[in-house]
Amino acid sequence: MTSNLATDLRQGYERVAEAFACGELELLARARDSINRTPAERNRLLGRIVAAYQRGPRQLWAPVILDLLAPAILDTLQWIRSEPPVIDDEEVRQQLVMEVLRAAATIPIQVGGRRLKFRLLSQA
């Protein structure tokens, strides 16, 4: 399940990446560069991307958010149990993705705020 989700999230990002302007592509590249960024910088970049998602178009920014949060989403899925036959693994996966996007659509972006990734996943 998790390897399929990782692949799906990567493919979603790759499908929309070509629609971004040059400045937006630089923002995406900086946000995806977790090695050379401090936690505060990564948080600030994620905040800019979540704000862009809130402004729209959401179908363009949703794959970007999901790609940035993919490792945390996959980790979270390890802790959520399905309840067959009522709720299977695929439904759990879909619901978590939808809840992450719902949280991204509604979460307040705080200037100087911290731990946005944690806040998004907590709300989801």
C-alpha atoms as a PDB file:
ATOM      1  CA  MET A   1       0.000   0.000   0.000  1.00  0.00           C
ATOM      2  CA  THR A   2       2.632   2.557   0.997  1.00  0.00           C
ATOM      3  CA  SER A   3       4.851   2.023  -2.041  1.00  0.00           C
ATOM      4  CA  ASN A   4       1.840   2.535  -4.318  1.00  0.00           C
ATOM      5  CA  LEU A   5       0.942   5.718  -2.473  1.00  0.00           C
ATOM      6  CA  ALA A   6       4.489   7.027  -2.753  1.00  0.00           C
ATOM      7  CA  THR A   7       4.412   6.348  -6.484  1.00  0.00           C
ATOM      8  CA  ASP A   8       0.994   7.961  -6.869  1.00  0.00           C
ATOM      9  CA  LEU A   9       2.097  11.085  -5.008  1.00  0.00           C
ATOM     10  CA  ARG A  10       5.282  11.396  -7.086  1.00  0.00           C
ATOM     11  CA  GLN A  11       3.372  10.958 -10.348  1.00  0.00           C
ATOM     12  CA  GLY A  12       0.796  13.535  -9.292  1.00  0.00           C
ATOM     13  CA  TYR A  13       3.552  16.044  -8.627  1.00  0.00           C
ATOM     14  CA  GLU A  14       5.263  15.303 -11.944  1.00  0.00           C
ATOM     15  CA  ARG A  15       1.980  15.800 -13.857  1.00  0.00           C
ATOM     16  CA  VAL A  16       1.447  19.318 -12.526  1.00  0.00           C
ATOM     17  CA  ALA A  17       5.082  20.489 -12.273  1.00  0.00           C
ATOM     18  CA  GLU A  18       5.189  21.491 -15.925  1.00  0.00           C
ATOM     19  CA  ALA A  19       2.250  23.891 -15.404  1.00  0.00           C
ATOM     20  CA  PHE A  20       4.173  26.128 -13.001  1.00  0.00           C
ATOM     21  CA  ALA A  21       5.907  29.376 -13.933  1.00  0.00           C
ATOM     22  CA  CYS A  22       9.655  29.784 -13.477  1.00  0.00           C
ATOM     23  CA  GLY A  23       9.382  31.530 -10.084  1.00  0.00           C
ATOM     24  CA  GLU A  24       7.008  28.901  -8.794  1.00  0.00           C
ATOM     25  CA  LEU A  25       9.355  26.145  -9.953  1.00  0.00           C
ATOM     26  CA  GLU A  26      12.151  27.735  -7.932  1.00  0.00           C
ATOM     27  CA  LEU A  27       9.882  27.778  -4.853  1.00  0.00           C
ATOM     28  CA  LEU A  28       9.067  24.098  -5.394  1.00  0.00           C
ATOM     29  CA  ALA A  29      12.724  23.178  -5.804  1.00  0.00           C
ATOM     30  CA  ARG A  30      13.659  25.017  -2.610  1.00  0.00           C
ATOM     31  CA  ALA A  31      10.774  23.419  -0.698  1.00  0.00           C
ATOM     32  CA  ARG A  32      11.771  19.939  -1.850  1.00  0.00           C
ATOM     33  CA  ASP A  33      15.436  20.488  -0.863  1.00  0.00           C
ATOM     34  CA  SER A  34      15.258  19.267   2.719  1.00  0.00           C
ATOM     35  CA  ILE A  35      18.995  18.701   3.097  1.00  0.00           C
ATOM     36  CA  ASN A  36      20.146  22.288   2.585  1.00  0.00           C
ATOM     37  CA  ARG A  37      17.276  23.993   4.450  1.00  0.00           C
ATOM     38  CA  THR A  38      16.808  24.648   8.136  1.00  0.00           C
ATOM     39  CA  PRO A  39      13.557  23.502   9.748  1.00  0.00           C
ATOM     40  CA  ALA A  40      12.433  27.147   9.954  1.00  0.00           C
ATOM     41  CA  GLU A  41      13.120  27.651   6.244  1.00  0.00           C
ATOM     42  CA  ARG A  42      11.286  24.433   5.306  1.00  0.00           C
ATOM     43  CA  ASN A  43       8.334  25.521   7.439  1.00  0.00           C
ATOM     44  CA  ARG A  44       8.257  28.952   5.806  1.00  0.00           C
ATOM     45  CA  LEU A  45       8.362  27.436   2.313  1.00  0.00           C
ATOM     46  CA  LEU A  46       5.607  24.958   3.174  1.00  0.00           C
ATOM     47  CA  GLY A  47       3.577  27.889   4.492  1.00  0.00           C
ATOM     48  CA  ARG A  48       3.955  29.705   1.162  1.00  0.00           C
ATOM     49  CA  ILE A  49       2.818  26.615  -0.715  1.00  0.00           C
ATOM     50  CA  VAL A  50      -0.167  26.028   1.584  1.00  0.00           C
ATOM     51  CA  ALA A  51      -1.140  29.698   1.153  1.00  0.00           C
ATOM     52  CA  ALA A  52      -0.934  29.234  -2.635  1.00  0.00           C
ATOM     53  CA  TYR A  53      -3.156  26.146  -2.304  1.00  0.00           C
ATOM     54  CA  GLN A  54      -5.686  28.168  -0.331  1.00  0.00           C
ATOM     55  CA  ARG A  55      -5.707  30.861  -3.049  1.00  0.00           C
ATOM     56  CA  GLY A  56      -5.930  28.282  -5.820  1.00  0.00           C
ATOM     57  CA  PRO A  57      -6.079  26.676  -8.196  1.00  0.00           C
ATOM     58  CA  ARG A  58      -6.196  23.838  -5.708  1.00  0.00           C
ATOM     59  CA  GLN A  59      -5.927  21.082  -8.316  1.00  0.00           C
ATOM     60  CA  LEU A  60      -2.525  22.491  -9.237  1.00  0.00           C
ATOM     61  CA  TRP A  61      -1.143  22.887  -5.710  1.00  0.00           C
ATOM     62  CA  ALA A  62      -2.640  19.737  -4.113  1.00  0.00           C
ATOM     63  CA  PRO A  63      -0.081  17.333  -5.652  1.00  0.00           C
ATOM     64  CA  VAL A  64       2.723  19.644  -4.526  1.00  0.00           C
ATOM     65  CA  ILE A  65       1.533  19.596  -0.907  1.00  0.00           C
ATOM     66  CA  LEU A  66       1.043  15.835  -0.984  1.00  0.00           C
ATOM     67  CA  ASP A  67       4.519  15.324  -2.464  1.00  0.00           C
ATOM     68  CA  LEU A  68       6.125  17.505   0.219  1.00  0.00           C
ATOM     69  CA  LEU A  69       4.246  15.685   2.969  1.00  0.00           C
ATOM     70  CA  ALA A  70       4.623  12.188   1.457  1.00  0.00           C
ATOM     71  CA  PRO A  71       7.125  10.819   4.022  1.00  0.00           C
ATOM     72  CA  ALA A  72       4.978  12.067   6.918  1.00  0.00           C
ATOM     73  CA  ILE A  73       1.802  10.728   5.297  1.00  0.00           C
ATOM     74  CA  LEU A  74       3.399   7.312   4.802  1.00  0.00           C
ATOM     75  CA  ASP A  75       4.579   7.321   8.404  1.00  0.00           C
ATOM     76  CA  THR A  76       1.099   8.258   9.639  1.00  0.00           C
ATOM     77  CA  LEU A  77      -0.452   5.403   7.654  1.00  0.00           C
ATOM     78  CA  GLN A  78       1.658   2.958   9.653  1.00  0.00           C
ATOM     79  CA  TRP A  79      -0.321   3.944  12.754  1.00  0.00           C
ATOM     80  CA  ILE A  80      -3.822   3.820  11.245  1.00  0.00           C
ATOM     81  CA  ARG A  81      -5.506   0.460  11.132  1.00  0.00           C
ATOM     82  CA  SER A  82      -8.087  -0.629   8.582  1.00  0.00           C
ATOM     83  CA  GLU A  83     -11.181  -2.524   9.725  1.00  0.00           C
ATOM     84  CA  PRO A  84     -12.057  -4.992   6.951  1.00  0.00           C
ATOM     85  CA  PRO A  85     -14.617  -5.515   5.558  1.00  0.00           C
ATOM     86  CA  VAL A  86     -15.973  -2.101   6.581  1.00  0.00           C
ATOM     87  CA  ILE A  87     -12.851   0.004   5.879  1.00  0.00           C
ATOM     88  CA  ASP A  88      -9.971  -1.381   3.841  1.00  0.00           C
ATOM     89  CA  ASP A  89      -6.421  -0.060   3.417  1.00  0.00           C
ATOM     90  CA  GLU A  90      -7.282   1.830   0.222  1.00  0.00           C
ATOM     91  CA  GLU A  91     -10.125   3.690   1.937  1.00  0.00           C
ATOM     92  CA  VAL A  92      -7.857   4.620   4.849  1.00  0.00           C
ATOM     93  CA  ARG A  93      -5.270   5.929   2.409  1.00  0.00           C
ATOM     94  CA  GLN A  94      -7.813   7.971   0.437  1.00  0.00           C
ATOM     95  CA  GLN A  95      -9.358   9.411   3.573  1.00  0.00           C
ATOM     96  CA  LEU A  96      -5.995  10.490   4.984  1.00  0.00           C
ATOM     97  CA  VAL A  97      -5.072  12.211   1.714  1.00  0.00           C
ATOM     98  CA  MET A  98      -8.417  14.012   1.638  1.00  0.00           C
ATOM     99  CA  GLU A  99      -8.073  15.072   5.275  1.00  0.00           C
ATOM    100  CA  VAL A 100      -4.571  16.433   4.664  1.00  0.00           C
ATOM    101  CA  LEU A 101      -5.940  18.532   1.796  1.00  0.00           C
ATOM    102  CA  ARG A 102      -8.911  19.649   3.895  1.00  0.00           C
ATOM    103  CA  ALA A 103      -6.525  20.730   6.636  1.00  0.00           C
ATOM    104  CA  ALA A 104      -4.374  22.582   4.083  1.00  0.00           C
ATOM    105  CA  ALA A 105      -7.452  24.406   2.803  1.00  0.00           C
ATOM    106  CA  THR A 106      -8.519  25.622   6.236  1.00  0.00           C
ATOM    107  CA  ILE A 107      -5.446  25.900   8.438  1.00  0.00           C
ATOM    108  CA  PRO A 108      -4.431  29.428   9.414  1.00  0.00           C
ATOM    109  CA  ILE A 109      -0.995  30.363   8.103  1.00  0.00           C
ATOM    110  CA  GLN A 110       0.781  32.151  10.930  1.00  0.00           C
ATOM    111  CA  VAL A 111       3.592  34.560  10.201  1.00  0.00           C
ATOM    112  CA  GLY A 112       6.532  33.164  12.085  1.00  0.00           C
ATOM    113  CA  GLY A 113       4.449  30.077  12.945  1.00  0.00           C
ATOM    114  CA  ARG A 114       6.179  26.792  13.499  1.00  0.00           C
ATOM    115  CA  ARG A 115       5.565  23.127  12.872  1.00  0.00           C
ATOM    116  CA  LEU A 116       3.120  23.545   9.992  1.00  0.00           C
ATOM    117  CA  LYS A 117       3.680  19.970   8.804  1.00  0.00           C
ATOM    118  CA  PHE A 118       2.832  18.674  12.276  1.00  0.00           C
ATOM    119  CA  ARG A 119      -0.245  20.903  12.473  1.00  0.00           C
ATOM    120  CA  LEU A 120      -1.503  19.723   9.076  1.00  0.00           C
ATOM    121  CA  LEU A 121      -1.104  16.053   9.947  1.00  0.00           C
ATOM    122  CA  SER A 122      -2.601  16.534  13.408  1.00  0.00           C
ATOM    123  CA  GLN A 123      -5.712  18.078  11.903  1.00  0.00           C
ATOM    124  CA  ALA A 124      -5.905  15.328   9.299  1.00  0.00           C
END
